[in-house]
Amino acid sequence: MFCVLATNDDAIAKHDATYGGDHLRVRVLIRPKAGILDPQGQAVERALPALGFAGVSNVHVGRLVELDVDDPSRVGEMCERLLANPLIEDYEIQHPASDRVNGAA
């Protein structure tokens, strides 16, 4: 198994040519709330020692959502209504100042 991290600059350029504007890349980190069962985290925590990685505890598995947005003030609403389940998940919105798309930061 492997992971690939790639950016699609052509897709961003095409989006900007179509819609125009200076977009801000926003990251939303979503993870289970404290006290909520995290079966993925538990499975990873059990598997790591079996693979020779000792000394690992309190593993939690979440997800990262990246968005290019015109209005970053609406990302919280997006999280509440679609991106996260506020009953069982917490989310953290990150606005990296250096992640302007199609323009200077």
Protein backbone atom coordinates (compact mmCIF):
# COMPACT_ATOMS: atom_id res chain seq x y z
CA MET A 1 0.00 0.00 0.00
CA PHE A 2 1.23 3.51 -0.76
CA CYS A 3 0.05 7.10 -0.56
CA VAL A 4 0.36 9.73 -3.25
CA LEU A 5 0.01 13.43 -2.58
CA ALA A 6 -0.43 15.47 -5.74
CA THR A 7 -1.80 18.81 -6.81
CA ASN A 8 -3.68 19.38 -10.00
CA ASP A 9 -2.53 22.82 -11.09
CA ASP A 10 -4.32 22.44 -14.45
CA ALA A 11 -7.67 21.92 -12.70
CA ILE A 12 -7.08 24.97 -10.50
CA ALA A 13 -6.09 27.07 -13.51
CA LYS A 14 -9.17 25.88 -15.43
CA HIS A 15 -11.41 26.70 -12.45
CA ASP A 16 -9.89 30.16 -12.13
CA ALA A 17 -10.25 30.81 -15.86
CA THR A 18 -13.90 29.80 -15.69
CA TYR A 19 -14.92 31.45 -12.42
CA GLY A 20 -12.17 34.02 -11.92
CA GLY A 21 -11.10 35.22 -8.53
CA ASP A 22 -8.45 34.74 -5.94
CA HIS A 23 -9.21 31.65 -3.88
CA LEU A 24 -7.95 30.76 -0.45
CA ARG A 25 -7.03 27.16 0.29
CA VAL A 26 -8.66 26.11 3.56
CA ARG A 27 -8.00 22.87 5.42
CA VAL A 28 -10.53 21.24 7.71
CA LEU A 29 -9.25 18.59 10.11
CA ILE A 30 -12.09 16.32 11.25
CA ARG A 31 -11.68 13.80 14.07
CA PRO A 32 -13.90 11.86 16.49
CA LYS A 33 -14.97 13.73 19.61
CA ALA A 34 -13.39 12.70 22.91
CA GLY A 35 -15.26 9.73 24.34
CA ILE A 36 -16.66 8.62 20.96
CA LEU A 37 -15.75 5.09 19.87
CA ASP A 38 -13.05 5.17 17.17
CA PRO A 39 -12.84 1.64 15.70
CA GLN A 40 -10.36 2.71 13.00
CA GLY A 41 -8.07 4.25 15.58
CA GLN A 42 -8.32 1.14 17.75
CA ALA A 43 -7.48 -1.11 14.78
CA VAL A 44 -4.42 0.99 13.92
CA GLU A 45 -3.35 1.05 17.58
CA ARG A 46 -3.50 -2.77 17.72
CA ALA A 47 -1.78 -3.24 14.36
CA LEU A 48 1.24 -0.99 14.92
CA PRO A 49 2.87 -3.14 17.65
CA ALA A 50 2.29 -6.23 15.51
CA LEU A 51 4.33 -4.49 12.80
CA GLY A 52 7.15 -3.70 15.23
CA PHE A 53 6.14 -0.16 16.20
CA ALA A 54 6.10 -0.19 20.01
CA GLY A 55 5.13 2.65 22.33
CA VAL A 56 2.09 3.91 20.42
CA SER A 57 -1.15 4.77 22.23
CA ASN A 58 -4.25 6.96 21.92
CA VAL A 59 -4.49 6.57 18.14
CA HIS A 60 -7.34 8.46 16.48
CA VAL A 61 -8.16 8.35 12.80
CA GLY A 62 -9.76 11.37 11.21
CA ARG A 63 -9.77 13.01 7.83
CA LEU A 64 -8.48 16.13 6.14
CA VAL A 65 -10.63 18.09 3.70
CA GLU A 66 -8.99 20.78 1.54
CA LEU A 67 -11.10 23.40 -0.20
CA ASP A 68 -10.36 26.39 -2.39
CA VAL A 69 -12.94 28.98 -1.35
CA ASP A 70 -13.84 32.55 -2.21
CA ASP A 71 -15.37 33.20 1.22
CA PRO A 72 -13.55 31.41 4.07
CA SER A 73 -16.04 32.76 6.60
CA ARG A 74 -18.59 30.19 5.33
CA VAL A 75 -16.41 27.13 5.95
CA GLY A 76 -17.77 26.68 9.49
CA GLU A 77 -21.28 26.46 8.08
CA MET A 78 -20.07 23.93 5.49
CA CYS A 79 -18.64 21.82 8.31
CA GLU A 80 -21.82 21.97 10.37
CA ARG A 81 -24.07 21.08 7.44
CA LEU A 82 -22.02 18.60 5.39
CA LEU A 83 -18.33 18.04 6.01
CA ALA A 84 -18.51 16.87 9.63
CA ASN A 85 -21.10 15.20 11.82
CA PRO A 86 -21.20 17.64 14.76
CA LEU A 87 -22.81 15.03 17.02
CA ILE A 88 -19.77 12.74 16.96
CA GLU A 89 -16.97 14.75 15.34
CA ASP A 90 -14.94 17.85 16.12
CA TYR A 91 -13.42 19.93 13.36
CA GLU A 92 -10.64 22.47 13.14
CA ILE A 93 -10.48 25.01 10.32
CA GLN A 94 -6.99 26.03 9.22
CA HIS A 95 -6.33 29.08 7.02
CA PRO A 96 -2.69 28.77 5.99
CA ALA A 97 -1.65 32.29 5.00
CA SER A 98 0.76 30.99 2.38
CA ASP A 99 -1.82 28.83 0.57
CA ARG A 100 -3.36 31.42 -1.73
CA VAL A 101 -4.33 29.93 -5.03
CA ASN A 102 -3.88 32.08 -8.16
CA GLY A 103 -2.45 35.12 -6.43
CA ALA A 104 -0.11 36.50 -3.83
CA ALA A 105 -0.71 35.92 -0.15
